[in-house]
Amino acid sequence: MSYSIFLHPDVIKYLDFLEDRERRGCYDSLKRLEEDPYAPHSGCDIKKLVGKKKTAYRLRIGDHRFLYVIKNKEVFVEEAFRRGKGY
């Protein structure tokens, strides 16, 4: 089962401002969402968010958070921010 990953332009901009090591780690973890966007993987934590209108998930990679939704076989990463910034 393979999913397609789509990054919002703001997410790409966020990743571009990270240091190389952090950026590579985030891109690797985001790439792993293609395999299974529902289950946690090593190095990243996935949690289903409650109270959202649509089914949303949070991917935690160190101090970085990514919010995404899944529609059919597509994963839309809509938001990226540092820990503490808020949901």
PDB file of N, CA and C in Angstrom:
ATOM      1  N   MET A   1       0.828  -1.173   0.000  1.00  0.00           N
ATOM      2  CA  MET A   1       0.000   0.000   0.000  1.00  0.00           C
ATOM      3  C   MET A   1       0.878   1.244   0.000  1.00  0.00           C
ATOM      4  N   SER A   2       0.780   2.025  -1.029  1.00  0.00           N
ATOM      5  CA  SER A   2       1.611   3.217  -1.116  1.00  0.00           C
ATOM      6  C   SER A   2       0.727   4.461  -1.192  1.00  0.00           C
ATOM      7  N   TYR A   3       1.090   5.456  -0.427  1.00  0.00           N
ATOM      8  CA  TYR A   3       0.362   6.715  -0.391  1.00  0.00           C
ATOM      9  C   TYR A   3       1.197   7.781  -1.086  1.00  0.00           C
ATOM     10  N   SER A   4       0.525   8.778  -1.640  1.00  0.00           N
ATOM     11  CA  SER A   4       1.208   9.930  -2.228  1.00  0.00           C
ATOM     12  C   SER A   4       1.267  11.036  -1.177  1.00  0.00           C
ATOM     13  N   ILE A   5       2.411  11.704  -1.090  1.00  0.00           N
ATOM     14  CA  ILE A   5       2.619  12.770  -0.114  1.00  0.00           C
ATOM     15  C   ILE A   5       2.604  14.115  -0.837  1.00  0.00           C
ATOM     16  N   PHE A   6       1.808  15.055  -0.328  1.00  0.00           N
ATOM     17  CA  PHE A   6       1.745  16.404  -0.878  1.00  0.00           C
ATOM     18  C   PHE A   6       2.051  17.392   0.238  1.00  0.00           C
ATOM     19  N   LEU A   7       3.024  18.254   0.018  1.00  0.00           N
ATOM     20  CA  LEU A   7       3.424  19.257   1.006  1.00  0.00           C
ATOM     21  C   LEU A   7       2.864  20.619   0.622  1.00  0.00           C
ATOM     22  N   HIS A   8       2.242  21.276   1.575  1.00  0.00           N
ATOM     23  CA  HIS A   8       1.757  22.639   1.378  1.00  0.00           C
ATOM     24  C   HIS A   8       2.976  23.540   1.156  1.00  0.00           C
ATOM     25  N   PRO A   9       2.866  24.590   0.336  1.00  0.00           N
ATOM     26  CA  PRO A   9       4.018  25.488   0.105  1.00  0.00           C
ATOM     27  C   PRO A   9       4.600  26.074   1.391  1.00  0.00           C
ATOM     28  N   ASP A  10       3.759  26.330   2.393  1.00  0.00           N
ATOM     29  CA  ASP A  10       4.271  26.848   3.666  1.00  0.00           C
ATOM     30  C   ASP A  10       5.132  25.808   4.379  1.00  0.00           C
ATOM     31  N   VAL A  11       4.797  24.546   4.221  1.00  0.00           N
ATOM     32  CA  VAL A  11       5.586  23.469   4.834  1.00  0.00           C
ATOM     33  C   VAL A  11       6.951  23.390   4.155  1.00  0.00           C
ATOM     34  N   ILE A  12       6.972  23.515   2.853  1.00  0.00           N
ATOM     35  CA  ILE A  12       8.239  23.492   2.114  1.00  0.00           C
ATOM     36  C   ILE A  12       9.108  24.672   2.542  1.00  0.00           C
ATOM     37  N   LYS A  13       8.498  25.834   2.695  1.00  0.00           N
ATOM     38  CA  LYS A  13       9.224  27.025   3.144  1.00  0.00           C
ATOM     39  C   LYS A  13       9.796  26.810   4.549  1.00  0.00           C
ATOM     40  N   TYR A  14       9.006  26.198   5.435  1.00  0.00           N
ATOM     41  CA  TYR A  14       9.458  25.895   6.795  1.00  0.00           C
ATOM     42  C   TYR A  14      10.681  24.974   6.757  1.00  0.00           C
ATOM     43  N   LEU A  15      10.612  23.937   5.927  1.00  0.00           N
ATOM     44  CA  LEU A  15      11.715  22.978   5.831  1.00  0.00           C
ATOM     45  C   LEU A  15      12.970  23.621   5.251  1.00  0.00           C
ATOM     46  N   ASP A  16      12.797  24.554   4.323  1.00  0.00           N
ATOM     47  CA  ASP A  16      13.942  25.225   3.704  1.00  0.00           C
ATOM     48  C   ASP A  16      14.754  26.046   4.707  1.00  0.00           C
ATOM     49  N   PHE A  17      14.131  26.522   5.768  1.00  0.00           N
ATOM     50  CA  PHE A  17      14.831  27.340   6.751  1.00  0.00           C
ATOM     51  C   PHE A  17      15.502  26.531   7.850  1.00  0.00           C
ATOM     52  N   LEU A  18      15.332  25.208   7.829  1.00  0.00           N
ATOM     53  CA  LEU A  18      15.973  24.352   8.826  1.00  0.00           C
ATOM     54  C   LEU A  18      17.425  24.090   8.446  1.00  0.00           C
ATOM     55  N   GLU A  19      18.226  23.720   9.440  1.00  0.00           N
ATOM     56  CA  GLU A  19      19.597  23.314   9.162  1.00  0.00           C
ATOM     57  C   GLU A  19      19.565  21.998   8.383  1.00  0.00           C
ATOM     58  N   ASP A  20      20.660  21.714   7.661  1.00  0.00           N
ATOM     59  CA  ASP A  20      20.702  20.544   6.780  1.00  0.00           C
ATOM     60  C   ASP A  20      20.340  19.247   7.493  1.00  0.00           C
ATOM     61  N   ARG A  21      20.914  19.033   8.665  1.00  0.00           N
ATOM     62  CA  ARG A  21      20.687  17.777   9.384  1.00  0.00           C
ATOM     63  C   ARG A  21      19.207  17.626   9.783  1.00  0.00           C
ATOM     64  N   GLU A  22      18.624  18.702  10.299  1.00  0.00           N
ATOM     65  CA  GLU A  22      17.213  18.681  10.685  1.00  0.00           C
ATOM     66  C   GLU A  22      16.320  18.486   9.461  1.00  0.00           C
ATOM     67  N   ARG A  23      16.654  19.177   8.375  1.00  0.00           N
ATOM     68  CA  ARG A  23      15.855  19.085   7.152  1.00  0.00           C
ATOM     69  C   ARG A  23      15.851  17.666   6.611  1.00  0.00           C
ATOM     70  N   ARG A  24      17.021  17.047   6.573  1.00  0.00           N
ATOM     71  CA  ARG A  24      17.102  15.663   6.076  1.00  0.00           C
ATOM     72  C   ARG A  24      16.271  14.720   6.933  1.00  0.00           C
ATOM     73  N   GLY A  25      16.357  14.874   8.250  1.00  0.00           N
ATOM     74  CA  GLY A  25      15.586  14.027   9.155  1.00  0.00           C
ATOM     75  C   GLY A  25      14.086  14.186   8.960  1.00  0.00           C
ATOM     76  N   CYS A  26      13.651  15.424   8.785  1.00  0.00           N
ATOM     77  CA  CYS A  26      12.226  15.681   8.572  1.00  0.00           C
ATOM     78  C   CYS A  26      11.760  15.114   7.232  1.00  0.00           C
ATOM     79  N   TYR A  27      12.544  15.343   6.175  1.00  0.00           N
ATOM     80  CA  TYR A  27      12.173  14.808   4.865  1.00  0.00           C
ATOM     81  C   TYR A  27      12.130  13.274   4.892  1.00  0.00           C
ATOM     82  N   ASP A  28      13.087  12.643   5.570  1.00  0.00           N
ATOM     83  CA  ASP A  28      13.091  11.175   5.658  1.00  0.00           C
ATOM     84  C   ASP A  28      11.845  10.670   6.365  1.00  0.00           C
ATOM     85  N   SER A  29      11.471  11.312   7.460  1.00  0.00           N
ATOM     86  CA  SER A  29      10.282  10.890   8.202  1.00  0.00           C
ATOM     87  C   SER A  29       9.009  11.149   7.409  1.00  0.00           C
ATOM     88  N   LEU A  30       8.949  12.277   6.723  1.00  0.00           N
ATOM     89  CA  LEU A  30       7.784  12.560   5.887  1.00  0.00           C
ATOM     90  C   LEU A  30       7.680  11.547   4.745  1.00  0.00           C
ATOM     91  N   LYS A  31       8.823  11.151   4.216  1.00  0.00           N
ATOM     92  CA  LYS A  31       8.833  10.162   3.133  1.00  0.00           C
ATOM     93  C   LYS A  31       8.296   8.819   3.616  1.00  0.00           C
ATOM     94  N   ARG A  32       8.545   8.498   4.886  1.00  0.00           N
ATOM     95  CA  ARG A  32       8.087   7.225   5.435  1.00  0.00           C
ATOM     96  C   ARG A  32       6.575   7.171   5.596  1.00  0.00           C
ATOM     97  N   LEU A  33       5.921   8.322   5.514  1.00  0.00           N
ATOM     98  CA  LEU A  33       4.463   8.337   5.556  1.00  0.00           C
ATOM     99  C   LEU A  33       3.857   7.634   4.344  1.00  0.00           C
ATOM    100  N   GLU A  34       4.639   7.502   3.265  1.00  0.00           N
ATOM    101  CA  GLU A  34       4.158   6.791   2.082  1.00  0.00           C
ATOM    102  C   GLU A  34       3.806   5.349   2.405  1.00  0.00           C
ATOM    103  N   GLU A  35       4.564   4.734   3.304  1.00  0.00           N
ATOM    104  CA  GLU A  35       4.345   3.333   3.658  1.00  0.00           C
ATOM    105  C   GLU A  35       3.074   3.166   4.482  1.00  0.00           C
ATOM    106  N   ASP A  36       2.972   3.903   5.586  1.00  0.00           N
ATOM    107  CA  ASP A  36       1.820   3.808   6.477  1.00  0.00           C
ATOM    108  C   ASP A  36       1.688   5.096   7.279  1.00  0.00           C
ATOM    109  N   PRO A  37       0.758   5.981   6.896  1.00  0.00           N
ATOM    110  CA  PRO A  37       0.623   7.258   7.595  1.00  0.00           C
ATOM    111  C   PRO A  37      -0.160   7.167   8.910  1.00  0.00           C
ATOM    112  N   TYR A  38      -0.604   5.974   9.267  1.00  0.00           N
ATOM    113  CA  TYR A  38      -1.407   5.805  10.482  1.00  0.00           C
ATOM    114  C   TYR A  38      -0.587   5.343  11.691  1.00  0.00           C
ATOM    115  N   ALA A  39       0.502   4.634  11.469  1.00  0.00           N
ATOM    116  CA  ALA A  39       1.259   4.019  12.563  1.00  0.00           C
ATOM    117  C   ALA A  39       2.590   4.731  12.792  1.00  0.00           C
ATOM    118  N   PRO A  40       3.014   4.855  14.055  1.00  0.00           N
ATOM    119  CA  PRO A  40       4.319   5.464  14.354  1.00  0.00           C
ATOM    120  C   PRO A  40       5.472   4.626  13.813  1.00  0.00           C
ATOM    121  N   HIS A  41       6.553   5.294  13.468  1.00  0.00           N
ATOM    122  CA  HIS A  41       7.775   4.649  12.994  1.00  0.00           C
ATOM    123  C   HIS A  41       8.899   5.023  13.940  1.00  0.00           C
ATOM    124  N   SER A  42      10.030   4.379  13.794  1.00  0.00           N
ATOM    125  CA  SER A  42      11.159   4.759  14.637  1.00  0.00           C
ATOM    126  C   SER A  42      11.606   6.177  14.284  1.00  0.00           C
ATOM    127  N   GLY A  43      11.823   6.973  15.299  1.00  0.00           N
ATOM    128  CA  GLY A  43      12.267   8.346  15.084  1.00  0.00           C
ATOM    129  C   GLY A  43      11.160   9.348  14.876  1.00  0.00           C
ATOM    130  N   CYS A  44       9.915   8.881  14.770  1.00  0.00           N
ATOM    131  CA  CYS A  44       8.800   9.812  14.630  1.00  0.00           C
ATOM    132  C   CYS A  44       7.556   9.231  15.293  1.00  0.00           C
ATOM    133  N   ASP A  45       6.756  10.131  15.813  1.00  0.00           N
ATOM    134  CA  ASP A  45       5.568   9.752  16.564  1.00  0.00           C
ATOM    135  C   ASP A  45       4.342  10.284  15.837  1.00  0.00           C
ATOM    136  N   ILE A  46       3.343   9.429  15.638  1.00  0.00           N
ATOM    137  CA  ILE A  46       2.116   9.823  14.952  1.00  0.00           C
ATOM    138  C   ILE A  46       0.957   9.692  15.932  1.00  0.00           C
ATOM    139  N   LYS A  47       0.110  10.727  15.953  1.00  0.00           N
ATOM    140  CA  LYS A  47      -1.037  10.704  16.842  1.00  0.00           C
ATOM    141  C   LYS A  47      -2.244  11.280  16.117  1.00  0.00           C
ATOM    142  N   LYS A  48      -3.385  10.611  16.256  1.00  0.00           N
ATOM    143  CA  LYS A  48      -4.618  11.124  15.678  1.00  0.00           C
ATOM    144  C   LYS A  48      -5.124  12.257  16.563  1.00  0.00           C
ATOM    145  N   LEU A  49      -5.471  13.389  15.955  1.00  0.00           N
ATOM    146  CA  LEU A  49      -5.939  14.542  16.705  1.00  0.00           C
ATOM    147  C   LEU A  49      -7.447  14.451  16.906  1.00  0.00           C
ATOM    148  N   VAL A  50      -7.881  14.800  18.091  1.00  0.00           N
ATOM    149  CA  VAL A  50      -9.289  14.737  18.448  1.00  0.00           C
ATOM    150  C   VAL A  50      -9.866  16.146  18.408  1.00  0.00           C
ATOM    151  N   GLY A  51     -11.129  16.251  18.006  1.00  0.00           N
ATOM    152  CA  GLY A  51     -11.802  17.540  18.028  1.00  0.00           C
ATOM    153  C   GLY A  51     -11.695  18.325  16.740  1.00  0.00           C
ATOM    154  N   LYS A  52     -10.976  17.819  15.782  1.00  0.00           N
ATOM    155  CA  LYS A  52     -10.885  18.506  14.495  1.00  0.00           C
ATOM    156  C   LYS A  52     -12.092  18.115  13.639  1.00  0.00           C
ATOM    157  N   LYS A  53     -12.503  19.009  12.763  1.00  0.00           N
ATOM    158  CA  LYS A  53     -13.637  18.752  11.883  1.00  0.00           C
ATOM    159  C   LYS A  53     -13.335  17.566  10.959  1.00  0.00           C
ATOM    160  N   LYS A  54     -12.164  17.580  10.380  1.00  0.00           N
ATOM    161  CA  LYS A  54     -11.735  16.478   9.529  1.00  0.00           C
ATOM    162  C   LYS A  54     -10.740  15.621  10.303  1.00  0.00           C
ATOM    163  N   THR A  55     -10.533  14.435   9.858  1.00  0.00           N
ATOM    164  CA  THR A  55      -9.598  13.541  10.532  1.00  0.00           C
ATOM    165  C   THR A  55      -8.181  14.019  10.273  1.00  0.00           C
ATOM    166  N   ALA A  56      -7.531  14.480  11.318  1.00  0.00           N
ATOM    167  CA  ALA A  56      -6.182  15.028  11.199  1.00  0.00           C
ATOM    168  C   ALA A  56      -5.224  14.235  12.080  1.00  0.00           C
ATOM    169  N   TYR A  57      -3.965  14.230  11.669  1.00  0.00           N
ATOM    170  CA  TYR A  57      -2.917  13.538  12.406  1.00  0.00           C
ATOM    171  C   TYR A  57      -1.773  14.496  12.655  1.00  0.00           C
ATOM    172  N   ARG A  58      -1.006  14.201  13.712  1.00  0.00           N
ATOM    173  CA  ARG A  58       0.172  14.980  14.053  1.00  0.00           C
ATOM    174  C   ARG A  58       1.387  14.075  13.988  1.00  0.00           C
ATOM    175  N   LEU A  59       2.394  14.518  13.266  1.00  0.00           N
ATOM    176  CA  LEU A  59       3.664  13.811  13.174  1.00  0.00           C
ATOM    177  C   LEU A  59       4.674  14.608  13.983  1.00  0.00           C
ATOM    178  N   ARG A  60       5.282  13.959  14.961  1.00  0.00           N
ATOM    179  CA  ARG A  60       6.276  14.621  15.810  1.00  0.00           C
ATOM    180  C   ARG A  60       7.648  14.065  15.466  1.00  0.00           C
ATOM    181  N   ILE A  61       8.553  14.967  15.108  1.00  0.00           N
ATOM    182  CA  ILE A  61       9.936  14.607  14.808  1.00  0.00           C
ATOM    183  C   ILE A  61      10.808  15.538  15.630  1.00  0.00           C
ATOM    184  N   GLY A  62      11.262  15.076  16.770  1.00  0.00           N
ATOM    185  CA  GLY A  62      12.049  15.931  17.665  1.00  0.00           C
ATOM    186  C   GLY A  62      11.232  17.119  18.117  1.00  0.00           C
ATOM    187  N   ASP A  63      11.707  18.333  17.822  1.00  0.00           N
ATOM    188  CA  ASP A  63      10.993  19.560  18.186  1.00  0.00           C
ATOM    189  C   ASP A  63      10.036  20.042  17.096  1.00  0.00           C
ATOM    190  N   HIS A  64       9.936  19.299  16.015  1.00  0.00           N
ATOM    191  CA  HIS A  64       9.132  19.724  14.873  1.00  0.00           C
ATOM    192  C   HIS A  64       7.810  18.954  14.849  1.00  0.00           C
ATOM    193  N   ARG A  65       6.740  19.679  14.477  1.00  0.00           N
ATOM    194  CA  ARG A  65       5.412  19.088  14.389  1.00  0.00           C
ATOM    195  C   ARG A  65       4.862  19.332  12.998  1.00  0.00           C
ATOM    196  N   PHE A  66       4.222  18.307  12.448  1.00  0.00           N
ATOM    197  CA  PHE A  66       3.593  18.404  11.141  1.00  0.00           C
ATOM    198  C   PHE A  66       2.161  17.903  11.273  1.00  0.00           C
ATOM    199  N   LEU A  67       1.205  18.688  10.787  1.00  0.00           N
ATOM    200  CA  LEU A  67      -0.190  18.285  10.794  1.00  0.00           C
ATOM    201  C   LEU A  67      -0.564  17.857   9.386  1.00  0.00           C
ATOM    202  N   TYR A  68      -1.249  16.720   9.287  1.00  0.00           N
ATOM    203  CA  TYR A  68      -1.632  16.232   7.969  1.00  0.00           C
ATOM    204  C   TYR A  68      -2.983  15.541   8.022  1.00  0.00           C
ATOM    205  N   VAL A  69      -3.608  15.453   6.854  1.00  0.00           N
ATOM    206  CA  VAL A  69      -4.868  14.741   6.688  1.00  0.00           C
ATOM    207  C   VAL A  69      -4.667  13.696   5.596  1.00  0.00           C
ATOM    208  N   ILE A  70      -5.492  12.653   5.666  1.00  0.00           N
ATOM    209  CA  ILE A  70      -5.408  11.562   4.703  1.00  0.00           C
ATOM    210  C   ILE A  70      -6.733  11.487   3.963  1.00  0.00           C
ATOM    211  N   LYS A  71      -6.668  11.535   2.652  1.00  0.00           N
ATOM    212  CA  LYS A  71      -7.855  11.391   1.805  1.00  0.00           C
ATOM    213  C   LYS A  71      -7.539  10.356   0.747  1.00  0.00           C
ATOM    214  N   ASN A  72      -8.296   9.278   0.756  1.00  0.00           N
ATOM    215  CA  ASN A  72      -8.078   8.147  -0.143  1.00  0.00           C
ATOM    216  C   ASN A  72      -6.648   7.640   0.018  1.00  0.00           C
ATOM    217  N   LYS A  73      -5.831   7.729  -0.977  1.00  0.00           N
ATOM    218  CA  LYS A  73      -4.430   7.280  -0.915  1.00  0.00           C
ATOM    219  C   LYS A  73      -3.473   8.461  -0.969  1.00  0.00           C
ATOM    220  N   GLU A  74      -3.932   9.615  -0.498  1.00  0.00           N
ATOM    221  CA  GLU A  74      -3.116  10.826  -0.531  1.00  0.00           C
ATOM    222  C   GLU A  74      -2.981  11.414   0.868  1.00  0.00           C
ATOM    223  N   VAL A  75      -1.762  11.835   1.191  1.00  0.00           N
ATOM    224  CA  VAL A  75      -1.473  12.465   2.475  1.00  0.00           C
ATOM    225  C   VAL A  75      -1.132  13.928   2.193  1.00  0.00           C
ATOM    226  N   PHE A  76      -1.906  14.836   2.795  1.00  0.00           N
ATOM    227  CA  PHE A  76      -1.703  16.257   2.610  1.00  0.00           C
ATOM    228  C   PHE A  76      -1.109  16.837   3.891  1.00  0.00           C
ATOM    229  N   VAL A  77       0.169  17.216   3.839  1.00  0.00           N
ATOM    230  CA  VAL A  77       0.830  17.839   4.986  1.00  0.00           C
ATOM    231  C   VAL A  77       0.523  19.327   4.896  1.00  0.00           C
ATOM    232  N   GLU A  78      -0.317  19.800   5.842  1.00  0.00           N
ATOM    233  CA  GLU A  78      -0.858  21.153   5.752  1.00  0.00           C
ATOM    234  C   GLU A  78      -0.147  22.186   6.608  1.00  0.00           C
ATOM    235  N   GLU A  79       0.505  21.742   7.691  1.00  0.00           N
ATOM    236  CA  GLU A  79       1.089  22.708   8.616  1.00  0.00           C
ATOM    237  C   GLU A  79       2.364  22.153   9.221  1.00  0.00           C
ATOM    238  N   ALA A  80       3.329  23.032   9.472  1.00  0.00           N
ATOM    239  CA  ALA A  80       4.590  22.661  10.114  1.00  0.00           C
ATOM    240  C   ALA A  80       4.967  23.761  11.093  1.00  0.00           C
ATOM    241  N   PHE A  81       5.425  23.363  12.276  1.00  0.00           N
ATOM    242  CA  PHE A  81       5.828  24.340  13.280  1.00  0.00           C
ATOM    243  C   PHE A  81       6.708  23.665  14.328  1.00  0.00           C
ATOM    244  N   ARG A  82       7.377  24.494  15.118  1.00  0.00           N
ATOM    245  CA  ARG A  82       8.205  23.996  16.214  1.00  0.00           C
ATOM    246  C   ARG A  82       7.339  23.728  17.432  1.00  0.00           C
ATOM    247  N   ARG A  83       7.815  22.854  18.270  1.00  0.00           N
ATOM    248  CA  ARG A  83       7.140  22.527  19.523  1.00  0.00           C
ATOM    249  C   ARG A  83       6.904  23.807  20.320  1.00  0.00           C
ATOM    250  N   GLY A  84       5.758  23.898  20.953  1.00  0.00           N
ATOM    251  CA  GLY A  84       5.447  25.064  21.754  1.00  0.00           C
ATOM    252  C   GLY A  84       4.728  26.160  20.994  1.00  0.00           C
ATOM    253  N   LYS A  85       4.757  26.093  19.690  1.00  0.00           N
ATOM    254  CA  LYS A  85       4.091  27.118  18.869  1.00  0.00           C
ATOM    255  C   LYS A  85       2.572  27.013  19.008  1.00  0.00           C
ATOM    256  N   GLY A  86       2.067  25.789  19.166  1.00  0.00           N
ATOM    257  CA  GLY A  86       0.632  25.586  19.362  1.00  0.00           C
ATOM    258  C   GLY A  86      -0.024  24.907  18.197  1.00  0.00           C
ATOM    259  N   TYR A  87      -1.203  24.409  18.457  1.00  0.00           N
ATOM    260  CA  TYR A  87      -1.997  23.742  17.426  1.00  0.00           C
ATOM    261  C   TYR A  87      -3.094  24.687  17.031  1.00  0.00           C
TER     262      TYR A  87
END
